[in-house]
């Protein structure tokens, strides 16, 4: 694959992890941090996999902005689970991290029962599926290696006709400039965020991005016309055990619509659907959906 013929390329493996609630549980509405802890706890007995995935910033010299090689995609907000209810979430591995997929799956399977929420309620592992093909990766005690098949974001890089689009911010989008949370998000913000996300992931974990195309796309993004915006600040805090304090996780939610010659942007917007944008994407923040016409 030659860079001059490719907009971007990055392999990813989306794991759909399905848990069964064993007893009535009240959980935080946004489960990104909780489920991140579940995966980290399961991996603690595999130091190599844990170190690569969860201590990547330390491996990179402890720089604050080192991008992680995985991402949690939590379920839609729900506070109460009853016995027998299903709780499903995605764990997405990027680039070189896919080599640890079997070890991640095995560690989750060995853990079997997970304690969630402040009251440590029990959830049992049902199975692990490929999140896009829905083929079983772990089921009934068996790992199906042939289902551990990566997908590449270049599969969504084909331009689609679009002269109108609606962008929905599904989980808090946290973008900072000068240390302050950005409250005004426009089309250029989304495109710049998507380009930056692809750049940082491919630089560290393999793949490529056509930088000339990326630069041109960012320049043209300013020409898109915004026709509506219904964004609002979603105030959210979580308790950090590592910092022993409450951490601000506020971000922007809502929807925006744009019009213009948007076909050139559809590959980047499609990639953003998969990769998210902004800060705290590891925990599921920055998830977008896009509708074209």
Foldseek 3Di string as FASTA:
>chain_A
DDQVVFQWKKWKFKKKWKWFFAAKFFAFQQCLVQVVVQLLVLCPVPVVLNCQQVVVCVVVVVDPPQDGQKAKAFDGGDGIDHGGDMGIIIIMGIAPSLVCVVVSQVSSVVVQWFQTDPVGGTIGTAFMARVPVRHGQGHPHDGDVVRSDIDMLSVQQQFDFFFKKKKFFRFFAFADDPNDTDPDDDQLNLLVQLVVLSVSRCVVRNMDHNVVLSVVVSVCSVVKAWDDWDKDKDWDWDADPVVRGIDTPIGIGGMTMIGGRCRSPRSSVSSCQVQAGHPPRRSNGRHMDMDGD
